[in-house]
Amino acid sequence: MLLFYGFGWLSAQYELVIDVNQVPYSKGKISAALYISADSFLKFDEVFASTSAKATEGKTRLVMTNIPSGNYAIALFHDKNDNDILDTNWMGIPKEKVAFSKAKMKVFGPPSFE
């Protein structure tokens, strides 16, 4: 999955548009979480904002509104079975496709907030 995003002006707040490309099929949904700090990054109980949309083969667009100016990191996943959970194997490795802003994956584990 590739991730592109942009901000648009919306009454002193911003609208964040996330286009997820190369979605393999129209099954389930694409879910995204927005984080505001390295300390909160990838902690489910510290998500600043979130959204989801029905997966559309090829490209799925997600929109978050009323986002104040700031530095953020985005994590998203293709919830192909639509159970609102990132399914993982016994080692905690995701079974469903994941993507991150800047898409800089480490060899082991998720990328950093930066």
PDB file of N, CA and C in Angstrom:
ATOM      1  N   MET A   1       0.845  -1.174   0.000  1.00  0.00           N
ATOM      2  CA  MET A   1       0.000   0.000   0.000  1.00  0.00           C
ATOM      3  C   MET A   1       0.886   1.231   0.000  1.00  0.00           C
ATOM      4  N   LEU A   2       0.488   2.218  -0.721  1.00  0.00           N
ATOM      5  CA  LEU A   2       1.183   3.497  -0.721  1.00  0.00           C
ATOM      6  C   LEU A   2       0.290   4.514  -0.063  1.00  0.00           C
ATOM      7  N   LEU A   3       0.877   5.496   0.577  1.00  0.00           N
ATOM      8  CA  LEU A   3       0.121   6.481   1.328  1.00  0.00           C
ATOM      9  C   LEU A   3       0.496   7.875   0.873  1.00  0.00           C
ATOM     10  N   PHE A   4      -0.512   8.660   0.510  1.00  0.00           N
ATOM     11  CA  PHE A   4      -0.316  10.056   0.167  1.00  0.00           C
ATOM     12  C   PHE A   4      -1.325  10.848   0.971  1.00  0.00           C
ATOM     13  N   TYR A   5      -0.916  12.017   1.457  1.00  0.00           N
ATOM     14  CA  TYR A   5      -1.848  12.800   2.243  1.00  0.00           C
ATOM     15  C   TYR A   5      -1.619  14.277   2.007  1.00  0.00           C
ATOM     16  N   GLY A   6      -2.632  15.085   2.369  1.00  0.00           N
ATOM     17  CA  GLY A   6      -2.523  16.521   2.208  1.00  0.00           C
ATOM     18  C   GLY A   6      -3.485  17.239   3.124  1.00  0.00           C
ATOM     19  N   PHE A   7      -3.206  18.486   3.381  1.00  0.00           N
ATOM     20  CA  PHE A   7      -4.059  19.294   4.228  1.00  0.00           C
ATOM     21  C   PHE A   7      -4.794  20.318   3.378  1.00  0.00           C
ATOM     22  N   GLY A   8      -6.029  20.595   3.733  1.00  0.00           N
ATOM     23  CA  GLY A   8      -6.816  21.642   3.097  1.00  0.00           C
ATOM     24  C   GLY A   8      -7.386  22.540   4.177  1.00  0.00           C
ATOM     25  N   TRP A   9      -7.606  23.800   3.882  1.00  0.00           N
ATOM     26  CA  TRP A   9      -8.103  24.762   4.864  1.00  0.00           C
ATOM     27  C   TRP A   9      -9.559  24.480   5.196  1.00  0.00           C
ATOM     28  N   LEU A  10      -9.928  24.511   6.477  1.00  0.00           N
ATOM     29  CA  LEU A  10     -11.311  24.290   6.912  1.00  0.00           C
ATOM     30  C   LEU A  10     -11.530  25.026   8.219  1.00  0.00           C
ATOM     31  N   SER A  11     -12.050  26.251   8.180  1.00  0.00           N
ATOM     32  CA  SER A  11     -12.373  27.104   9.334  1.00  0.00           C
ATOM     33  C   SER A  11     -11.386  26.997  10.502  1.00  0.00           C
ATOM     34  N   ALA A  12     -10.194  27.449  10.328  1.00  0.00           N
ATOM     35  CA  ALA A  12      -9.137  27.487  11.333  1.00  0.00           C
ATOM     36  C   ALA A  12      -8.677  26.102  11.762  1.00  0.00           C
ATOM     37  N   GLN A  13      -9.230  25.097  11.214  1.00  0.00           N
ATOM     38  CA  GLN A  13      -8.811  23.714  11.432  1.00  0.00           C
ATOM     39  C   GLN A  13      -8.446  23.161  10.053  1.00  0.00           C
ATOM     40  N   TYR A  14      -7.945  21.967  10.024  1.00  0.00           N
ATOM     41  CA  TYR A  14      -7.553  21.380   8.753  1.00  0.00           C
ATOM     42  C   TYR A  14      -8.317  20.100   8.475  1.00  0.00           C
ATOM     43  N   GLU A  15      -8.376  19.784   7.208  1.00  0.00           N
ATOM     44  CA  GLU A  15      -8.944  18.518   6.758  1.00  0.00           C
ATOM     45  C   GLU A  15      -7.782  17.686   6.233  1.00  0.00           C
ATOM     46  N   LEU A  16      -7.652  16.481   6.736  1.00  0.00           N
ATOM     47  CA  LEU A  16      -6.589  15.579   6.311  1.00  0.00           C
ATOM     48  C   LEU A  16      -7.195  14.552   5.371  1.00  0.00           C
ATOM     49  N   VAL A  17      -6.683  14.493   4.163  1.00  0.00           N
ATOM     50  CA  VAL A  17      -7.157  13.542   3.163  1.00  0.00           C
ATOM     51  C   VAL A  17      -6.067  12.496   2.954  1.00  0.00           C
ATOM     52  N   ILE A  18      -6.426  11.230   3.135  1.00  0.00           N
ATOM     53  CA  ILE A  18      -5.479  10.134   2.997  1.00  0.00           C
ATOM     54  C   ILE A  18      -5.941   9.260   1.836  1.00  0.00           C
ATOM     55  N   ASP A  19      -5.158   9.179   0.789  1.00  0.00           N
ATOM     56  CA  ASP A  19      -5.454   8.295  -0.340  1.00  0.00           C
ATOM     57  C   ASP A  19      -4.590   7.045  -0.204  1.00  0.00           C
ATOM     58  N   VAL A  20      -5.234   5.919  -0.061  1.00  0.00           N
ATOM     59  CA  VAL A  20      -4.532   4.640   0.051  1.00  0.00           C
ATOM     60  C   VAL A  20      -4.595   3.978  -1.319  1.00  0.00           C
ATOM     61  N   ASN A  21      -3.449   3.821  -1.947  1.00  0.00           N
ATOM     62  CA  ASN A  21      -3.372   3.237  -3.285  1.00  0.00           C
ATOM     63  C   ASN A  21      -2.987   1.766  -3.214  1.00  0.00           C
ATOM     64  N   GLN A  22      -3.221   1.074  -4.287  1.00  0.00           N
ATOM     65  CA  GLN A  22      -2.891  -0.348  -4.431  1.00  0.00           C
ATOM     66  C   GLN A  22      -3.665  -1.226  -3.443  1.00  0.00           C
ATOM     67  N   VAL A  23      -4.905  -0.829  -3.140  1.00  0.00           N
ATOM     68  CA  VAL A  23      -5.772  -1.671  -2.305  1.00  0.00           C
ATOM     69  C   VAL A  23      -6.115  -2.899  -3.144  1.00  0.00           C
ATOM     70  N   PRO A  24      -5.795  -4.104  -2.666  1.00  0.00           N
ATOM     71  CA  PRO A  24      -5.922  -5.301  -3.507  1.00  0.00           C
ATOM     72  C   PRO A  24      -7.350  -5.746  -3.828  1.00  0.00           C
ATOM     73  N   TYR A  25      -8.313  -5.399  -2.968  1.00  0.00           N
ATOM     74  CA  TYR A  25      -9.691  -5.828  -3.208  1.00  0.00           C
ATOM     75  C   TYR A  25     -10.666  -5.003  -2.374  1.00  0.00           C
ATOM     76  N   SER A  26     -11.944  -5.066  -2.775  1.00  0.00           N
ATOM     77  CA  SER A  26     -13.007  -4.329  -2.087  1.00  0.00           C
ATOM     78  C   SER A  26     -13.639  -5.209  -1.012  1.00  0.00           C
ATOM     79  N   LYS A  27     -12.850  -5.611  -0.061  1.00  0.00           N
ATOM     80  CA  LYS A  27     -13.320  -6.456   1.025  1.00  0.00           C
ATOM     81  C   LYS A  27     -12.926  -5.794   2.334  1.00  0.00           C
ATOM     82  N   GLY A  28     -13.851  -5.660   3.282  1.00  0.00           N
ATOM     83  CA  GLY A  28     -13.551  -5.045   4.566  1.00  0.00           C
ATOM     84  C   GLY A  28     -13.450  -3.542   4.471  1.00  0.00           C
ATOM     85  N   LYS A  29     -12.567  -2.965   5.290  1.00  0.00           N
ATOM     86  CA  LYS A  29     -12.397  -1.518   5.314  1.00  0.00           C
ATOM     87  C   LYS A  29     -10.950  -1.152   5.574  1.00  0.00           C
ATOM     88  N   ILE A  30     -10.647   0.115   5.309  1.00  0.00           N
ATOM     89  CA  ILE A  30      -9.340   0.676   5.611  1.00  0.00           C
ATOM     90  C   ILE A  30      -9.534   1.567   6.845  1.00  0.00           C
ATOM     91  N   SER A  31      -8.738   1.347   7.879  1.00  0.00           N
ATOM     92  CA  SER A  31      -8.832   2.127   9.113  1.00  0.00           C
ATOM     93  C   SER A  31      -7.537   2.880   9.327  1.00  0.00           C
ATOM     94  N   ALA A  32      -7.643   4.137   9.784  1.00  0.00           N
ATOM     95  CA  ALA A  32      -6.463   4.973  10.013  1.00  0.00           C
ATOM     96  C   ALA A  32      -6.522   5.606  11.391  1.00  0.00           C
ATOM     97  N   ALA A  33      -5.355   5.755  12.011  1.00  0.00           N
ATOM     98  CA  ALA A  33      -5.225   6.416  13.308  1.00  0.00           C
ATOM     99  C   ALA A  33      -4.175   7.511  13.194  1.00  0.00           C
ATOM    100  N   LEU A  34      -4.455   8.646  13.805  1.00  0.00           N
ATOM    101  CA  LEU A  34      -3.562   9.801  13.801  1.00  0.00           C
ATOM    102  C   LEU A  34      -2.993   9.967  15.211  1.00  0.00           C
ATOM    103  N   TYR A  35      -1.667  10.078  15.305  1.00  0.00           N
ATOM    104  CA  TYR A  35      -0.979  10.202  16.591  1.00  0.00           C
ATOM    105  C   TYR A  35      -0.245  11.537  16.654  1.00  0.00           C
ATOM    106  N   ILE A  36      -0.167  12.117  17.868  1.00  0.00           N
ATOM    107  CA  ILE A  36       0.436  13.448  18.016  1.00  0.00           C
ATOM    108  C   ILE A  36       1.819  13.443  18.653  1.00  0.00           C
ATOM    109  N   SER A  37       2.289  12.285  19.136  1.00  0.00           N
ATOM    110  CA  SER A  37       3.616  12.264  19.775  1.00  0.00           C
ATOM    111  C   SER A  37       4.234  10.877  19.683  1.00  0.00           C
ATOM    112  N   ALA A  38       5.528  10.831  19.881  1.00  0.00           N
ATOM    113  CA  ALA A  38       6.244   9.551  19.891  1.00  0.00           C
ATOM    114  C   ALA A  38       5.775   8.687  21.052  1.00  0.00           C
ATOM    115  N   ASP A  39       5.438   9.318  22.180  1.00  0.00           N
ATOM    116  CA  ASP A  39       4.979   8.561  23.354  1.00  0.00           C
ATOM    117  C   ASP A  39       3.635   7.879  23.118  1.00  0.00           C
ATOM    118  N   SER A  40       2.795   8.474  22.292  1.00  0.00           N
ATOM    119  CA  SER A  40       1.467   7.894  22.041  1.00  0.00           C
ATOM    120  C   SER A  40       1.442   6.975  20.821  1.00  0.00           C
ATOM    121  N   PHE A  41       2.468   7.050  19.982  1.00  0.00           N
ATOM    122  CA  PHE A  41       2.453   6.344  18.694  1.00  0.00           C
ATOM    123  C   PHE A  41       2.210   4.847  18.850  1.00  0.00           C
ATOM    124  N   LEU A  42       1.200   4.376  18.149  1.00  0.00           N
ATOM    125  CA  LEU A  42       0.761   2.982  18.067  1.00  0.00           C
ATOM    126  C   LEU A  42       0.155   2.441  19.361  1.00  0.00           C
ATOM    127  N   LYS A  43      -0.202   3.332  20.275  1.00  0.00           N
ATOM    128  CA  LYS A  43      -0.932   2.920  21.481  1.00  0.00           C
ATOM    129  C   LYS A  43      -2.420   3.144  21.206  1.00  0.00           C
ATOM    130  N   PHE A  44      -3.207   2.069  21.237  1.00  0.00           N
ATOM    131  CA  PHE A  44      -4.617   2.145  20.874  1.00  0.00           C
ATOM    132  C   PHE A  44      -5.399   3.117  21.737  1.00  0.00           C
ATOM    133  N   ASP A  45      -5.030   3.266  22.996  1.00  0.00           N
ATOM    134  CA  ASP A  45      -5.772   4.155  23.888  1.00  0.00           C
ATOM    135  C   ASP A  45      -5.293   5.605  23.823  1.00  0.00           C
ATOM    136  N   GLU A  46      -4.340   5.912  22.941  1.00  0.00           N
ATOM    137  CA  GLU A  46      -3.829   7.273  22.811  1.00  0.00           C
ATOM    138  C   GLU A  46      -3.928   7.816  21.385  1.00  0.00           C
ATOM    139  N   VAL A  47      -4.885   7.314  20.625  1.00  0.00           N
ATOM    140  CA  VAL A  47      -5.129   7.801  19.265  1.00  0.00           C
ATOM    141  C   VAL A  47      -5.740   9.194  19.352  1.00  0.00           C
ATOM    142  N   PHE A  48      -5.177  10.148  18.613  1.00  0.00           N
ATOM    143  CA  PHE A  48      -5.696  11.518  18.614  1.00  0.00           C
ATOM    144  C   PHE A  48      -6.984  11.613  17.796  1.00  0.00           C
ATOM    145  N   ALA A  49      -6.992  10.983  16.624  1.00  0.00           N
ATOM    146  CA  ALA A  49      -8.171  10.965  15.757  1.00  0.00           C
ATOM    147  C   ALA A  49      -8.117   9.692  14.923  1.00  0.00           C
ATOM    148  N   SER A  50      -9.278   9.216  14.502  1.00  0.00           N
ATOM    149  CA  SER A  50      -9.317   8.013  13.663  1.00  0.00           C
ATOM    150  C   SER A  50     -10.485   8.088  12.695  1.00  0.00           C
ATOM    151  N   THR A  51     -10.382   7.277  11.674  1.00  0.00           N
ATOM    152  CA  THR A  51     -11.461   7.175  10.691  1.00  0.00           C
ATOM    153  C   THR A  51     -11.314   5.861   9.952  1.00  0.00           C
ATOM    154  N   SER A  52     -12.346   5.479   9.242  1.00  0.00           N
ATOM    155  CA  SER A  52     -12.287   4.292   8.384  1.00  0.00           C
ATOM    156  C   SER A  52     -13.255   4.479   7.231  1.00  0.00           C
ATOM    157  N   ALA A  53     -13.047   3.691   6.198  1.00  0.00           N
ATOM    158  CA  ALA A  53     -13.912   3.727   5.018  1.00  0.00           C
ATOM    159  C   ALA A  53     -13.927   2.337   4.389  1.00  0.00           C
ATOM    160  N   LYS A  54     -15.022   2.018   3.726  1.00  0.00           N
ATOM    161  CA  LYS A  54     -15.119   0.738   3.019  1.00  0.00           C
ATOM    162  C   LYS A  54     -13.968   0.644   2.033  1.00  0.00           C
ATOM    163  N   ALA A  55     -13.304  -0.496   2.021  1.00  0.00           N
ATOM    164  CA  ALA A  55     -12.193  -0.698   1.088  1.00  0.00           C
ATOM    165  C   ALA A  55     -12.711  -0.704  -0.344  1.00  0.00           C
ATOM    166  N   THR A  56     -12.021   0.000  -1.203  1.00  0.00           N
ATOM    167  CA  THR A  56     -12.341   0.034  -2.625  1.00  0.00           C
ATOM    168  C   THR A  56     -11.107  -0.415  -3.383  1.00  0.00           C
ATOM    169  N   GLU A  57     -11.246  -1.444  -4.192  1.00  0.00           N
ATOM    170  CA  GLU A  57     -10.104  -1.956  -4.951  1.00  0.00           C
ATOM    171  C   GLU A  57      -9.450  -0.832  -5.738  1.00  0.00           C
ATOM    172  N   GLY A  58      -8.143  -0.780  -5.677  1.00  0.00           N
ATOM    173  CA  GLY A  58      -7.379   0.263  -6.369  1.00  0.00           C
ATOM    174  C   GLY A  58      -7.043   1.403  -5.438  1.00  0.00           C
ATOM    175  N   LYS A  59      -8.043   2.219  -5.070  1.00  0.00           N
ATOM    176  CA  LYS A  59      -7.787   3.381  -4.219  1.00  0.00           C
ATOM    177  C   LYS A  59      -8.953   3.602  -3.262  1.00  0.00           C
ATOM    178  N   THR A  60      -8.625   3.841  -1.999  1.00  0.00           N
ATOM    179  CA  THR A  60      -9.621   4.175  -0.988  1.00  0.00           C
ATOM    180  C   THR A  60      -9.226   5.506  -0.368  1.00  0.00           C
ATOM    181  N   ARG A  61     -10.193   6.413  -0.250  1.00  0.00           N
ATOM    182  CA  ARG A  61      -9.934   7.732   0.328  1.00  0.00           C
ATOM    183  C   ARG A  61     -10.531   7.801   1.727  1.00  0.00           C
ATOM    184  N   LEU A  62      -9.712   8.292   2.666  1.00  0.00           N
ATOM    185  CA  LEU A  62     -10.148   8.533   4.041  1.00  0.00           C
ATOM    186  C   LEU A  62     -10.021  10.027   4.311  1.00  0.00           C
ATOM    187  N   VAL A  63     -10.928  10.578   5.111  1.00  0.00           N
ATOM    188  CA  VAL A  63     -10.895  12.007   5.430  1.00  0.00           C
ATOM    189  C   VAL A  63     -11.071  12.185   6.936  1.00  0.00           C
ATOM    190  N   MET A  64     -10.202  12.998   7.526  1.00  0.00           N
ATOM    191  CA  MET A  64     -10.328  13.407   8.932  1.00  0.00           C
ATOM    192  C   MET A  64     -10.536  14.910   8.928  1.00  0.00           C
ATOM    193  N   THR A  65     -11.514  15.385   9.692  1.00  0.00           N
ATOM    194  CA  THR A  65     -11.813  16.815   9.738  1.00  0.00           C
ATOM    195  C   THR A  65     -11.489  17.397  11.108  1.00  0.00           C
ATOM    196  N   ASN A  66     -11.411  18.717  11.145  1.00  0.00           N
ATOM    197  CA  ASN A  66     -11.150  19.471  12.381  1.00  0.00           C
ATOM    198  C   ASN A  66      -9.831  19.080  13.047  1.00  0.00           C
ATOM    199  N   ILE A  67      -8.797  18.942  12.247  1.00  0.00           N
ATOM    200  CA  ILE A  67      -7.474  18.597  12.756  1.00  0.00           C
ATOM    201  C   ILE A  67      -6.673  19.891  12.910  1.00  0.00           C
ATOM    202  N   PRO A  68      -6.208  20.212  14.136  1.00  0.00           N
ATOM    203  CA  PRO A  68      -5.407  21.428  14.304  1.00  0.00           C
ATOM    204  C   PRO A  68      -4.017  21.267  13.690  1.00  0.00           C
ATOM    205  N   SER A  69      -3.378  22.375  13.436  1.00  0.00           N
ATOM    206  CA  SER A  69      -2.023  22.365  12.893  1.00  0.00           C
ATOM    207  C   SER A  69      -1.092  21.649  13.867  1.00  0.00           C
ATOM    208  N   GLY A  70      -0.152  20.866  13.343  1.00  0.00           N
ATOM    209  CA  GLY A  70       0.786  20.164  14.199  1.00  0.00           C
ATOM    210  C   GLY A  70       1.560  19.115  13.442  1.00  0.00           C
ATOM    211  N   ASN A  71       2.393  18.362  14.152  1.00  0.00           N
ATOM    212  CA  ASN A  71       3.137  17.251  13.583  1.00  0.00           C
ATOM    213  C   ASN A  71       2.449  15.955  13.987  1.00  0.00           C
ATOM    214  N   TYR A  72       2.235  15.097  13.028  1.00  0.00           N
ATOM    215  CA  TYR A  72       1.488  13.871  13.263  1.00  0.00           C
ATOM    216  C   TYR A  72       2.158  12.683  12.590  1.00  0.00           C
ATOM    217  N   ALA A  73       1.798  11.494  13.056  1.00  0.00           N
ATOM    218  CA  ALA A  73       2.145  10.250  12.374  1.00  0.00           C
ATOM    219  C   ALA A  73       0.835   9.500  12.154  1.00  0.00           C
ATOM    220  N   ILE A  74       0.775   8.766  11.052  1.00  0.00           N
ATOM    221  CA  ILE A  74      -0.424   8.017  10.700  1.00  0.00           C
ATOM    222  C   ILE A  74      -0.082   6.540  10.597  1.00  0.00           C
ATOM    223  N   ALA A  75      -0.961   5.720  11.154  1.00  0.00           N
ATOM    224  CA  ALA A  75      -0.870   4.272  10.993  1.00  0.00           C
ATOM    225  C   ALA A  75      -2.209   3.817  10.434  1.00  0.00           C
ATOM    226  N   LEU A  76      -2.167   2.912   9.464  1.00  0.00           N
ATOM    227  CA  LEU A  76      -3.424   2.400   8.926  1.00  0.00           C
ATOM    228  C   LEU A  76      -3.310   0.924   8.616  1.00  0.00           C
ATOM    229  N   PHE A  77      -4.474   0.276   8.503  1.00  0.00           N
ATOM    230  CA  PHE A  77      -4.476  -1.134   8.139  1.00  0.00           C
ATOM    231  C   PHE A  77      -5.723  -1.475   7.358  1.00  0.00           C
ATOM    232  N   HIS A  78      -5.606  -2.536   6.546  1.00  0.00           N
ATOM    233  CA  HIS A  78      -6.727  -3.041   5.757  1.00  0.00           C
ATOM    234  C   HIS A  78      -7.395  -4.129   6.587  1.00  0.00           C
ATOM    235  N   ASP A  79      -8.496  -3.768   7.213  1.00  0.00           N
ATOM    236  CA  ASP A  79      -9.260  -4.687   8.067  1.00  0.00           C
ATOM    237  C   ASP A  79     -10.128  -5.555   7.150  1.00  0.00           C
ATOM    238  N   LYS A  80      -9.497  -6.537   6.520  1.00  0.00           N
ATOM    239  CA  LYS A  80     -10.183  -7.294   5.465  1.00  0.00           C
ATOM    240  C   LYS A  80     -11.365  -8.111   5.961  1.00  0.00           C
ATOM    241  N   ASN A  81     -11.372  -8.502   7.240  1.00  0.00           N
ATOM    242  CA  ASN A  81     -12.523  -9.250   7.758  1.00  0.00           C
ATOM    243  C   ASN A  81     -13.493  -8.351   8.533  1.00  0.00           C
ATOM    244  N   ASP A  82     -13.243  -7.024   8.526  1.00  0.00           N
ATOM    245  CA  ASP A  82     -14.160  -6.024   9.083  1.00  0.00           C
ATOM    246  C   ASP A  82     -14.513  -6.289  10.554  1.00  0.00           C
ATOM    247  N   ASN A  83     -13.520  -6.726  11.350  1.00  0.00           N
ATOM    248  CA  ASN A  83     -13.780  -7.002  12.763  1.00  0.00           C
ATOM    249  C   ASN A  83     -13.254  -5.903  13.692  1.00  0.00           C
ATOM    250  N   ASP A  84     -12.788  -4.791  13.122  1.00  0.00           N
ATOM    251  CA  ASP A  84     -12.263  -3.639  13.870  1.00  0.00           C
ATOM    252  C   ASP A  84     -11.022  -3.964  14.706  1.00  0.00           C
ATOM    253  N   ILE A  85     -10.317  -5.012  14.341  1.00  0.00           N
ATOM    254  CA  ILE A  85      -9.104  -5.429  15.047  1.00  0.00           C
ATOM    255  C   ILE A  85      -8.010  -5.712  14.022  1.00  0.00           C
ATOM    256  N   LEU A  86      -6.797  -5.270  14.315  1.00  0.00           N
ATOM    257  CA  LEU A  86      -5.662  -5.640  13.484  1.00  0.00           C
ATOM    258  C   LEU A  86      -5.287  -7.061  13.879  1.00  0.00           C
ATOM    259  N   ASP A  87      -5.621  -8.017  13.046  1.00  0.00           N
ATOM    260  CA  ASP A  87      -5.343  -9.423  13.334  1.00  0.00           C
ATOM    261  C   ASP A  87      -3.850  -9.689  13.209  1.00  0.00           C
ATOM    262  N   THR A  88      -3.307 -10.403  14.205  1.00  0.00           N
ATOM    263  CA  THR A  88      -1.888 -10.731  14.228  1.00  0.00           C
ATOM    264  C   THR A  88      -1.703 -12.228  14.453  1.00  0.00           C
ATOM    265  N   ASN A  89      -0.499 -12.702  14.161  1.00  0.00           N
ATOM    266  CA  ASN A  89      -0.193 -14.105  14.451  1.00  0.00           C
ATOM    267  C   ASN A  89       0.262 -14.227  15.900  1.00  0.00           C
ATOM    268  N   TRP A  90       0.689 -15.388  16.297  1.00  0.00           N
ATOM    269  CA  TRP A  90       1.063 -15.631  17.697  1.00  0.00           C
ATOM    270  C   TRP A  90       2.273 -14.825  18.140  1.00  0.00           C
ATOM    271  N   MET A  91       3.059 -14.317  17.167  1.00  0.00           N
ATOM    272  CA  MET A  91       4.219 -13.488  17.502  1.00  0.00           C
ATOM    273  C   MET A  91       3.883 -11.998  17.497  1.00  0.00           C
ATOM    274  N   GLY A  92       2.639 -11.657  17.181  1.00  0.00           N
ATOM    275  CA  GLY A  92       2.233 -10.257  17.122  1.00  0.00           C
ATOM    276  C   GLY A  92       2.456  -9.601  15.778  1.00  0.00           C
ATOM    277  N   ILE A  93       2.849 -10.373  14.778  1.00  0.00           N
ATOM    278  CA  ILE A  93       3.064  -9.838  13.435  1.00  0.00           C
ATOM    279  C   ILE A  93       1.719  -9.731  12.734  1.00  0.00           C
ATOM    280  N   PRO A  94       1.413  -8.555  12.148  1.00  0.00           N
ATOM    281  CA  PRO A  94       0.106  -8.374  11.507  1.00  0.00           C
ATOM    282  C   PRO A  94      -0.146  -9.374  10.375  1.00  0.00           C
ATOM    283  N   LYS A  95      -1.363  -9.907  10.340  1.00  0.00           N
ATOM    284  CA  LYS A  95      -1.811 -10.763   9.248  1.00  0.00           C
ATOM    285  C   LYS A  95      -2.471  -9.920   8.164  1.00  0.00           C
ATOM    286  N   GLU A  96      -2.871  -8.695   8.527  1.00  0.00           N
ATOM    287  CA  GLU A  96      -3.519  -7.787   7.578  1.00  0.00           C
ATOM    288  C   GLU A  96      -2.517  -6.711   7.173  1.00  0.00           C
ATOM    289  N   LYS A  97      -2.688  -6.163   5.968  1.00  0.00           N
ATOM    290  CA  LYS A  97      -1.759  -5.154   5.442  1.00  0.00           C
ATOM    291  C   LYS A  97      -1.766  -3.907   6.314  1.00  0.00           C
ATOM    292  N   VAL A  98      -0.581  -3.359   6.570  1.00  0.00           N
ATOM    293  CA  VAL A  98      -0.418  -2.131   7.343  1.00  0.00           C
ATOM    294  C   VAL A  98       0.413  -1.129   6.542  1.00  0.00           C
ATOM    295  N   ALA A  99       0.253   0.154   6.878  1.00  0.00           N
ATOM    296  CA  ALA A  99       1.044   1.215   6.251  1.00  0.00           C
ATOM    297  C   ALA A  99       1.200   2.344   7.263  1.00  0.00           C
ATOM    298  N   PHE A 100       2.248   3.153   7.068  1.00  0.00           N
ATOM    299  CA  PHE A 100       2.547   4.247   7.976  1.00  0.00           C
ATOM    300  C   PHE A 100       2.932   5.472   7.171  1.00  0.00           C
ATOM    301  N   SER A 101       2.711   6.661   7.761  1.00  0.00           N
ATOM    302  CA  SER A 101       3.175   7.881   7.110  1.00  0.00           C
ATOM    303  C   SER A 101       4.689   7.774   6.939  1.00  0.00           C
ATOM    304  N   LYS A 102       5.180   8.249   5.841  1.00  0.00           N
ATOM    305  CA  LYS A 102       6.585   8.154   5.422  1.00  0.00           C
ATOM    306  C   LYS A 102       7.014   6.724   5.096  1.00  0.00           C
ATOM    307  N   ALA A 103       6.225   5.737   5.464  1.00  0.00           N
ATOM    308  CA  ALA A 103       6.431   4.330   5.093  1.00  0.00           C
ATOM    309  C   ALA A 103       7.847   3.826   5.326  1.00  0.00           C
ATOM    310  N   LYS A 104       8.470   4.225   6.403  1.00  0.00           N
ATOM    311  CA  LYS A 104       9.828   3.765   6.702  1.00  0.00           C
ATOM    312  C   LYS A 104       9.763   2.621   7.704  1.00  0.00           C
ATOM    313  N   MET A 105       9.741   1.413   7.197  1.00  0.00           N
ATOM    314  CA  MET A 105       9.656   0.234   8.048  1.00  0.00           C
ATOM    315  C   MET A 105      11.045  -0.154   8.550  1.00  0.00           C
ATOM    316  N   LYS A 106      11.088  -0.647   9.782  1.00  0.00           N
ATOM    317  CA  LYS A 106      12.325  -1.204  10.334  1.00  0.00           C
ATOM    318  C   LYS A 106      12.401  -2.663   9.910  1.00  0.00           C
ATOM    319  N   VAL A 107      13.560  -3.270  10.072  1.00  0.00           N
ATOM    320  CA  VAL A 107      13.711  -4.689   9.772  1.00  0.00           C
ATOM    321  C   VAL A 107      12.796  -5.502  10.694  1.00  0.00           C
ATOM    322  N   PHE A 108      12.797  -5.160  11.981  1.00  0.00           N
ATOM    323  CA  PHE A 108      11.923  -5.819  12.951  1.00  0.00           C
ATOM    324  C   PHE A 108      11.110  -4.756  13.663  1.00  0.00           C
ATOM    325  N   GLY A 109       9.813  -4.888  13.656  1.00  0.00           N
ATOM    326  CA  GLY A 109       8.947  -3.969  14.363  1.00  0.00           C
ATOM    327  C   GLY A 109       8.508  -2.798  13.510  1.00  0.00           C
ATOM    328  N   PRO A 110       7.590  -2.012  14.057  1.00  0.00           N
ATOM    329  CA  PRO A 110       7.039  -0.870  13.321  1.00  0.00           C
ATOM    330  C   PRO A 110       8.021   0.292  13.267  1.00  0.00           C
ATOM    331  N   PRO A 111       7.754   1.267  12.397  1.00  0.00           N
ATOM    332  CA  PRO A 111       8.619   2.445  12.315  1.00  0.00           C
ATOM    333  C   PRO A 111       8.441   3.339  13.540  1.00  0.00           C
ATOM    334  N   SER A 112       9.321   4.303  13.668  1.00  0.00           N
ATOM    335  CA  SER A 112       9.202   5.265  14.768  1.00  0.00           C
ATOM    336  C   SER A 112       8.215   6.357  14.386  1.00  0.00           C
ATOM    337  N   PHE A 113       7.825   7.162  15.339  1.00  0.00           N
ATOM    338  CA  PHE A 113       6.934   8.307  15.102  1.00  0.00           C
ATOM    339  C   PHE A 113       7.542   9.267  14.079  1.00  0.00           C
ATOM    340  N   GLU A 114       8.827   9.497  14.168  1.00  0.00           N
ATOM    341  CA  GLU A 114       9.493  10.428  13.267  1.00  0.00           C
ATOM    342  C   GLU A 114       9.493   9.897  11.856  1.00  0.00           C
TER     343      GLU A 114
END
